[in-house]
Protein backbone atom coordinates (compact mmCIF):
# COMPACT_ATOMS: atom_id res chain seq x y z
CA UNK A 1 29.37 16.52 -20.65
CA UNK A 2 28.27 13.01 -21.54
CA UNK A 3 24.61 12.27 -22.31
CA UNK A 4 24.42 10.09 -19.16
CA UNK A 5 25.84 12.94 -17.02
CA UNK A 6 23.34 15.38 -18.50
CA UNK A 7 20.49 12.94 -17.83
CA UNK A 8 21.54 12.55 -14.14
CA UNK A 9 21.62 16.34 -13.67
CA UNK A 10 18.08 16.78 -14.85
CA UNK A 11 15.29 17.47 -12.37
CA UNK A 12 13.32 14.41 -11.15
CA UNK A 13 10.21 15.91 -12.88
CA UNK A 14 11.94 16.07 -16.25
CA UNK A 15 13.40 12.65 -15.86
CA UNK A 16 9.93 11.29 -15.06
CA UNK A 17 8.36 12.85 -18.08
CA UNK A 18 11.14 11.56 -20.31
CA UNK A 19 10.63 8.09 -18.89
CA UNK A 20 6.90 8.41 -19.73
CA UNK A 21 7.78 9.41 -23.27
CA UNK A 22 10.02 6.40 -23.66
CA UNK A 23 7.52 4.01 -22.08
CA UNK A 24 4.66 5.42 -24.12
CA UNK A 25 6.56 5.06 -27.39
CA UNK A 26 6.88 8.73 -28.20
CA UNK A 27 10.57 8.04 -28.96
CA UNK A 28 9.97 4.53 -30.29
CA UNK A 29 7.94 1.43 -29.56
CA UNK A 30 4.67 0.13 -31.12
CA UNK A 31 2.63 2.05 -33.68
CA UNK A 32 -0.18 2.56 -31.11
CA UNK A 33 2.26 3.86 -28.49
CA UNK A 34 3.97 6.21 -31.00
CA UNK A 35 0.70 8.07 -31.43
CA UNK A 36 1.22 9.57 -28.02
CA UNK A 37 2.67 13.10 -28.40
CA UNK A 38 4.46 14.80 -25.53
CA UNK A 39 1.44 16.95 -24.70
CA UNK A 40 -0.72 13.82 -24.53
CA UNK A 41 1.68 12.12 -22.15
CA UNK A 42 1.63 15.18 -19.89
CA UNK A 43 -2.12 15.26 -19.99
CA UNK A 44 -2.26 11.55 -19.04
CA UNK A 45 0.17 12.07 -16.21
CA UNK A 46 -1.97 14.90 -14.90
CA UNK A 47 -5.01 12.66 -15.03
CA UNK A 48 -3.29 10.07 -12.84
CA UNK A 49 -2.20 12.77 -10.34
CA UNK A 50 -5.62 14.43 -10.23
CA UNK A 51 -7.73 13.28 -7.23
CA UNK A 52 -11.18 11.81 -8.10
CA UNK A 53 -12.81 8.50 -8.87
CA UNK A 54 -12.46 8.58 -12.69
CA UNK A 55 -8.95 8.43 -14.02
CA UNK A 56 -9.78 8.00 -17.75
CA UNK A 57 -9.58 5.69 -20.70
CA UNK A 58 -6.17 4.39 -21.94
CA UNK A 59 -4.84 2.00 -24.62
CA UNK A 60 -3.24 -1.11 -23.12
CA UNK A 61 0.57 -1.16 -23.45
CA UNK A 62 2.42 -3.85 -25.28
CA UNK A 63 2.83 -6.95 -23.05
CA UNK A 64 0.32 -5.28 -20.74
CA UNK A 65 -0.36 -8.23 -18.45
CA UNK A 66 2.34 -8.52 -15.87
CA UNK A 67 0.33 -11.03 -13.76
CA UNK A 68 -3.24 -11.52 -12.62
CA UNK A 69 -3.38 -8.28 -10.67
CA UNK A 70 -0.95 -6.05 -12.40
CA UNK A 71 -1.41 -4.40 -15.83
CA UNK A 72 0.16 -1.64 -17.83
CA UNK A 73 -1.29 1.13 -19.99
CA UNK A 74 0.42 3.24 -22.70
CA UNK A 75 1.82 6.53 -21.54
CA UNK A 76 2.73 5.36 -18.03
CA UNK A 77 6.11 3.98 -17.08
CA UNK A 78 4.85 2.06 -14.08
CA UNK A 79 2.31 -0.76 -13.78
CA UNK A 80 -1.08 -0.45 -12.15
CA UNK A 81 -1.95 -2.10 -8.84
CA UNK A 82 -5.47 -3.38 -9.20
CA UNK A 83 -7.64 -2.65 -6.10
CA UNK A 84 -9.32 -5.31 -3.98
CA UNK A 85 -7.65 -8.29 -5.67
CA UNK A 86 -4.44 -10.17 -4.90
CA UNK A 87 -3.70 -13.08 -7.20
CA UNK A 88 -1.03 -15.57 -6.54
CA UNK A 89 2.47 -14.93 -7.98
CA UNK A 90 3.94 -16.20 -11.25
CA UNK A 91 7.17 -18.13 -11.48
CA UNK A 92 9.99 -15.65 -12.21
CA UNK A 93 13.13 -17.56 -11.14
CA UNK A 94 14.65 -20.91 -12.01
CA UNK A 95 15.31 -21.42 -8.25
CA UNK A 96 11.57 -21.29 -7.48
CA UNK A 97 10.81 -23.59 -10.40
CA UNK A 98 13.32 -26.17 -9.25
CA UNK A 99 12.02 -25.97 -5.63
CA UNK A 100 8.42 -26.36 -6.90
CA UNK A 101 9.35 -29.40 -8.98
CA UNK A 102 10.63 -31.13 -5.88
CA UNK A 103 7.07 -31.14 -4.47
CA UNK A 104 4.43 -28.55 -3.94
CA UNK A 105 3.92 -29.13 -0.16
CA UNK A 106 7.62 -28.92 0.56
CA UNK A 107 7.81 -25.86 -1.70
CA UNK A 108 5.11 -24.10 0.30
CA UNK A 109 6.82 -25.02 3.54
CA UNK A 110 10.17 -23.72 2.36
CA UNK A 111 8.68 -20.42 1.04
CA UNK A 112 6.88 -19.62 4.33
CA UNK A 113 9.96 -20.58 6.34
CA UNK A 114 9.83 -19.02 9.81
CA UNK A 115 7.50 -16.25 8.72
CA UNK A 116 4.65 -15.77 11.27
CA UNK A 117 2.30 -14.41 8.71
CA UNK A 118 1.14 -15.82 5.36
CA UNK A 119 3.57 -15.17 2.53
CA UNK A 120 3.24 -14.55 -1.23
CA UNK A 121 4.87 -16.95 -3.65
CA UNK A 122 4.67 -18.34 -7.11
CA UNK A 123 2.14 -21.06 -7.77
CA UNK A 124 0.48 -22.81 -10.68
CA UNK A 125 -2.61 -20.84 -9.76
CA UNK A 126 -0.66 -17.63 -10.14
CA UNK A 127 0.21 -18.67 -13.71
CA UNK A 128 -3.48 -19.51 -14.32
CA UNK A 129 -4.50 -16.08 -13.04
CA UNK A 130 -2.16 -14.41 -15.51
CA UNK A 131 -3.59 -16.50 -18.32
CA UNK A 132 -7.12 -15.52 -17.19
CA UNK A 133 -6.13 -11.82 -17.42
CA UNK A 134 -4.64 -12.20 -20.85
CA UNK A 135 -7.85 -13.79 -22.15
CA UNK A 136 -10.02 -11.15 -20.45
CA UNK A 137 -8.14 -8.26 -22.09
CA UNK A 138 -7.40 -10.09 -25.40
CA UNK A 139 -10.01 -8.01 -27.37
CA UNK A 140 -9.57 -4.81 -25.31
CA UNK A 141 -7.52 -2.10 -26.98
CA UNK A 142 -8.74 0.56 -24.52
CA UNK A 143 -9.49 0.19 -20.83
CA UNK A 144 -11.23 2.45 -18.37
CA UNK A 145 -9.51 3.25 -15.10
CA UNK A 146 -11.27 4.24 -11.93
CA UNK A 147 -10.31 4.58 -8.23
CA UNK A 148 -11.91 3.18 -5.11
CA UNK A 149 -11.28 6.41 -3.11
CA UNK A 150 -10.73 9.90 -4.67
CA UNK A 151 -7.70 10.52 -2.36
CA UNK A 152 -6.02 7.08 -2.69
CA UNK A 153 -3.86 7.65 -5.77
CA UNK A 154 -0.81 5.46 -5.18
CA UNK A 155 0.27 2.50 -3.26
CA UNK A 156 3.27 2.23 -0.94
CA UNK A 157 5.75 1.64 -3.81
CA UNK A 158 4.37 4.35 -6.13
CA UNK A 159 2.07 2.29 -8.30
CA UNK A 160 -1.26 3.84 -9.18
CA UNK A 161 -4.33 2.06 -7.64
CA UNK A 162 -7.23 1.38 -9.93
CA UNK A 163 -10.16 -0.65 -11.00
CA UNK A 164 -9.71 -1.58 -14.63
CA UNK A 165 -12.80 -1.95 -16.93
CA UNK A 166 -12.86 -3.60 -20.42
CA UNK A 167 -15.72 -2.99 -22.81
CA UNK A 168 -17.58 -6.21 -23.59
CA UNK A 169 -20.82 -6.41 -25.60
CA UNK A 170 -21.30 -2.65 -25.22
CA UNK A 171 -20.79 -2.56 -21.40
CA UNK A 172 -17.80 -1.68 -19.21
CA UNK A 173 -17.00 -4.80 -17.21
CA UNK A 174 -14.99 -4.51 -13.95
CA UNK A 175 -12.11 -6.93 -14.35
CA UNK A 176 -11.35 -6.77 -10.55
CA UNK A 177 -14.76 -8.18 -9.66
CA UNK A 178 -14.66 -10.74 -12.47
CA UNK A 179 -11.22 -11.93 -11.34
CA UNK A 180 -12.73 -12.78 -7.97
CA UNK A 181 -15.81 -14.39 -9.61
CA UNK A 182 -13.49 -16.62 -11.63
CA UNK A 183 -11.71 -17.80 -8.43
CA UNK A 184 -8.43 -16.22 -9.53
CA UNK A 185 -8.20 -14.04 -6.48
CA UNK A 186 -9.96 -13.71 -3.07
CA UNK A 187 -11.64 -10.42 -2.20
CA UNK A 188 -8.60 -8.58 -0.99
CA UNK A 189 -9.47 -6.47 1.99
CA UNK A 190 -6.08 -5.96 3.52
CA UNK A 191 -6.02 -2.18 2.81
CA UNK A 192 -9.72 -1.57 3.27
CA UNK A 193 -13.06 -2.89 2.14
CA UNK A 194 -14.01 -1.67 -1.32
CA UNK A 195 -15.97 1.58 -0.81
CA UNK A 196 -17.65 1.28 -4.17
CA UNK A 197 -18.08 -2.38 -5.02
CA UNK A 198 -18.09 -4.17 -1.68
CA UNK A 199 -21.35 -6.08 -2.30
CA UNK A 200 -20.22 -7.12 -5.80
CA UNK A 201 -16.95 -8.51 -4.41
CA UNK A 202 -18.72 -10.37 -1.62
CA UNK A 203 -21.14 -11.96 -4.02
CA UNK A 204 -18.43 -12.77 -6.60
CA UNK A 205 -16.31 -14.56 -3.88
CA UNK A 206 -19.32 -16.46 -2.64
CA UNK A 207 -20.08 -17.65 -6.22
CA UNK A 208 -16.48 -18.82 -6.72
CA UNK A 209 -16.44 -20.65 -3.36
CA UNK A 210 -19.69 -22.38 -4.04
CA UNK A 211 -18.51 -23.48 -7.48
CA UNK A 212 -15.15 -24.54 -5.92
CA UNK A 213 -13.16 -22.98 -8.75
CA UNK A 214 -9.73 -21.46 -8.92
CA UNK A 215 -8.21 -20.83 -5.48
CA UNK A 216 -11.29 -22.55 -3.97
CA UNK A 217 -10.68 -25.81 -5.84
CA UNK A 218 -8.94 -28.28 -3.42
CA UNK A 219 -7.54 -30.24 -6.30
CA UNK A 220 -5.47 -27.35 -7.58
CA UNK A 221 -2.07 -26.13 -6.33
CA UNK A 222 -2.51 -22.82 -4.55
CA UNK A 223 -2.13 -21.16 -1.13
CA UNK A 224 -3.60 -23.46 1.48
CA UNK A 225 -4.18 -20.72 4.10
CA UNK A 226 -6.94 -18.53 2.69
CA UNK A 227 -8.98 -18.84 5.85
CA UNK A 228 -6.09 -17.27 7.84
CA UNK A 229 -5.54 -14.61 5.20
CA UNK A 230 -9.18 -13.54 5.13
CA UNK A 231 -9.46 -13.38 8.94
CA UNK A 232 -6.38 -11.23 9.02
CA UNK A 233 -7.43 -8.92 6.11
CA UNK A 234 -10.96 -8.50 7.32
CA UNK A 235 -9.79 -7.52 10.90
CA UNK A 236 -7.65 -4.74 9.27
CA UNK A 237 -10.55 -3.67 7.04
CA UNK A 238 -12.87 -3.40 10.03
CA UNK A 239 -10.34 -1.27 11.85
CA UNK A 240 -9.98 1.10 8.79
CA UNK A 241 -13.65 1.31 8.34
CA UNK A 242 -14.26 2.20 11.99
CA UNK A 243 -11.67 5.05 11.65
CA UNK A 244 -13.24 6.33 8.52
CA UNK A 245 -16.65 6.40 10.12
CA UNK A 246 -15.24 8.17 13.20
CA UNK A 247 -13.47 10.69 10.85
CA UNK A 248 -16.56 11.78 8.91
CA UNK A 249 -16.90 15.54 9.05
CA UNK A 250 -13.81 16.05 11.19
CA UNK A 251 -11.01 18.13 9.70
CA UNK A 252 -8.34 16.99 12.14
CA UNK A 253 -8.56 13.36 11.15
CA UNK A 254 -5.80 12.39 8.68
CA UNK A 255 -5.26 9.19 6.71
CA UNK A 256 -1.54 9.10 5.93
CA UNK A 257 -2.03 7.19 2.64
CA UNK A 258 -4.13 10.00 1.18
CA UNK A 259 -2.35 12.13 -1.41
CA UNK A 260 -2.80 15.36 0.63
CA UNK A 261 -1.86 13.99 4.09
CA UNK A 262 1.48 15.97 4.22
CA UNK A 263 -0.38 19.15 3.39
CA UNK A 264 -2.95 18.41 6.08
CA UNK A 265 -0.20 17.82 8.59
CA UNK A 266 1.50 21.12 7.68
CA UNK A 267 -1.81 22.95 8.18
CA UNK A 268 -2.18 21.36 11.66
CA UNK A 269 1.25 22.17 13.22
CA UNK A 270 0.68 22.88 16.88
CA UNK A 271 -2.74 21.32 16.76
CA UNK A 272 -4.10 17.98 17.92
CA UNK A 273 -4.86 15.50 15.21
CA UNK A 274 -5.90 11.85 14.87
CA UNK A 275 -3.94 9.81 12.35
CA UNK A 276 -4.46 6.48 10.69
CA UNK A 277 -1.18 5.00 9.55
CA UNK A 278 0.71 1.70 9.11
CA UNK A 279 3.44 0.87 11.52
CA UNK A 280 6.71 0.41 9.61
CA UNK A 281 10.25 0.67 10.80
CA UNK A 282 10.95 0.96 14.56
CA UNK A 283 14.23 2.74 15.32
CA UNK A 284 15.13 1.92 18.93
CA UNK A 285 17.00 4.74 20.48
CA UNK A 286 20.00 3.65 22.46
CA UNK A 287 20.92 7.02 23.87
CA UNK A 288 18.26 9.07 22.11
CA UNK A 289 14.54 8.78 21.39
CA UNK A 290 12.86 5.79 19.88
CA UNK A 291 11.11 6.49 16.60
CA UNK A 292 8.18 4.57 15.08
CA UNK A 293 7.76 5.25 11.43
CA UNK A 294 4.23 5.35 10.00
CA UNK A 295 4.02 4.37 6.43
CA UNK A 296 3.10 7.24 4.04
CA UNK A 297 5.21 6.79 0.92
CA UNK A 298 8.45 4.94 0.47
CA UNK A 299 11.27 7.15 1.88
CA UNK A 300 8.65 9.64 3.13
CA UNK A 301 7.26 8.08 6.34
CA UNK A 302 5.93 10.00 9.30
CA UNK A 303 7.68 9.59 12.74
CA UNK A 304 6.20 9.05 16.15
CA UNK A 305 8.79 9.96 18.82
CA UNK A 306 9.19 8.30 22.15
CA UNK A 307 11.55 9.74 24.78
CA UNK A 308 10.27 7.44 27.47
CA UNK A 309 11.07 3.78 26.70
CA UNK A 310 8.44 2.62 29.18
CA UNK A 311 5.79 4.52 27.30
CA UNK A 312 6.99 2.89 24.04
CA UNK A 313 6.80 -0.60 25.73
CA UNK A 314 3.41 0.01 27.35
CA UNK A 315 1.87 1.46 24.19
CA UNK A 316 2.08 -2.00 22.50
CA UNK A 317 2.93 -0.33 19.19
CA UNK A 318 5.59 -2.91 18.43
CA UNK A 319 2.94 -5.61 18.45
CA UNK A 320 1.31 -3.75 15.55
CA UNK A 321 4.31 -3.65 13.34
CA UNK A 322 3.05 -3.91 9.77
CA UNK A 323 -0.48 -3.08 10.84
CA UNK A 324 -2.62 0.09 11.00
CA UNK A 325 -2.92 2.06 14.23
CA UNK A 326 -4.87 5.07 15.36
CA UNK A 327 -2.63 7.83 16.75
CA UNK A 328 -3.67 10.94 18.66
CA UNK A 329 -1.32 13.84 19.28
CA UNK A 330 -0.03 17.31 18.43
CA UNK A 331 1.82 17.81 15.13
CA UNK A 332 5.29 19.40 15.82
CA UNK A 333 7.76 20.87 13.47
CA UNK A 334 11.47 20.92 14.29
CA UNK A 335 14.67 21.68 12.38
CA UNK A 336 16.87 18.73 11.75
CA UNK A 337 20.41 19.96 11.99
CA UNK A 338 21.80 17.01 10.08
CA UNK A 339 19.48 17.17 7.06
CA UNK A 340 19.06 20.98 7.44
CA UNK A 341 15.36 20.51 6.80
CA UNK A 342 12.19 21.21 8.81
CA UNK A 343 10.50 17.96 9.70
CA UNK A 344 7.10 16.99 11.16
CA UNK A 345 6.40 14.50 13.91
CA UNK A 346 4.18 13.63 16.84
CA UNK A 347 5.65 13.00 20.32
CA UNK A 348 4.15 10.10 22.29
CA UNK A 349 3.97 10.76 26.04
CA UNK A 350 1.16 8.42 27.00
CA UNK A 351 0.62 4.85 25.85
CA UNK A 352 -3.05 5.61 25.27
CA UNK A 353 -2.21 7.89 22.36
CA UNK A 354 -1.82 4.80 20.15
CA UNK A 355 -4.42 2.18 19.54
CA UNK A 356 -4.54 -0.81 17.28
CA UNK A 357 -7.00 -3.62 16.54
CA UNK A 358 -7.38 -6.21 19.25
CA UNK A 359 -8.54 -8.71 16.66
CA UNK A 360 -5.37 -8.84 14.68
CA UNK A 361 -2.93 -11.78 15.16
CA UNK A 362 0.47 -10.81 16.46
CA UNK A 363 2.69 -11.23 13.47
CA UNK A 364 5.20 -8.71 14.64
CA UNK A 365 7.84 -11.03 16.16
CA UNK A 366 8.41 -8.49 18.97
CA UNK A 367 8.50 -9.53 22.58
CA UNK A 368 5.39 -7.80 23.77
CA UNK A 369 5.33 -8.93 27.40
CA UNK A 370 5.15 -6.13 29.80
CA UNK A 371 2.67 -3.81 31.54
CA UNK A 372 -0.73 -3.30 29.99
CA UNK A 373 -1.06 -0.12 27.88
CA UNK A 374 -2.56 2.84 29.64
CA UNK A 375 -5.78 4.13 28.17
CA UNK A 376 -5.70 7.80 29.04
CA UNK A 377 -6.43 9.36 25.70
CA UNK A 378 -8.19 12.56 26.72
CA UNK A 379 -6.68 15.75 28.07
CA UNK A 380 -3.24 15.07 26.65
CA UNK A 381 -0.73 17.63 27.87
CA UNK A 382 1.84 17.44 25.06
CA UNK A 383 5.52 18.07 25.80
CA UNK A 384 6.74 20.60 23.26
CA UNK A 385 10.51 19.94 23.70
CA UNK A 386 12.56 20.20 20.60
CA UNK A 387 13.47 16.52 20.11
CA UNK A 388 16.27 17.43 17.74
CA UNK A 389 17.86 19.54 20.49
CA UNK A 390 17.57 16.80 23.13
CA UNK A 391 18.80 14.16 20.68
CA UNK A 392 21.88 16.37 20.08
CA UNK A 393 22.41 16.79 23.87
CA UNK A 394 22.10 13.04 24.43
CA UNK A 395 24.43 12.27 21.49
CA UNK A 396 27.17 14.50 22.83
CA UNK A 397 26.76 13.73 26.55
CA UNK A 398 29.98 12.69 28.26
């Protein structure tokens, strides 16, 4: 058996640990990275996967700065996604460079294209933000990583979420806040207000705006639509905050981005729950049910099932594609005959089971004209049909 064949036959857990060893330098790399033994890497991995606010202290990796809001530490094969900031992108392709050289305004117009919502793209300010990060961490061999929420471990694409602190003059300084203070990023609230440093971020952004530096400097080349972005992000953050306040002390309220959401769903099979989730793919059922996938983890989303297309239309859920919604319903388990696995879902029988923010702009692109959503959310009598069975019957109907 070849080495490559053997590698492919290993379990995902073993492959992941091996990748950590390689990235951390246990099998090569810098002198600093080579100091990491196998046991140390496993310990580090456990720290990243352990819920809580403090992750730990870590040496920066070689070439640690990916861009203004992404860094790498030794012993981890993936980059960190820094919470509450969103710097502009750096130029990574010759095509973008050539397009930019033809004129910045035309470049921005081409990058947004027909997108209804603001887009991310490379800019000179993105390059400046990366340079700022390099200077900030230039004298930092070790950084301190902390979370905003003890249960928010990873983002959608598997990157760990963190605040990163560097020690300066005997004090741990929060890079995320200082990045905003320097005008390299807005206070990024798209996925929630900071639970721990909200006031610091608000003050830092106010200072940068008053000084007209970085992204707030009209003479520099950066995104021109921060007013639109901030209105959009803050509307989302208000919706999330309202859910979190409503959920306090209630065991049946589940946030799908929390690390233990799947376990909570399993514990509530047959019971009514209230979910907070991001509307992702919508799979329109031609002859079967329509499924709305709520984002949890990539390739591990949670389905809402509609057998009544009028209920789907009246719920207005399509309008909230890409946005957070509040969902009320009974968790059901059914056996998927195709995958041969038990799967969880919630059936939607009334439009009022789903609610989104009325303040959010409609960036979905869906045709949302139709009857107003019904608002009956209480006394839901859930239909406990086996959707897999009905889907099979519909698929094989003459």
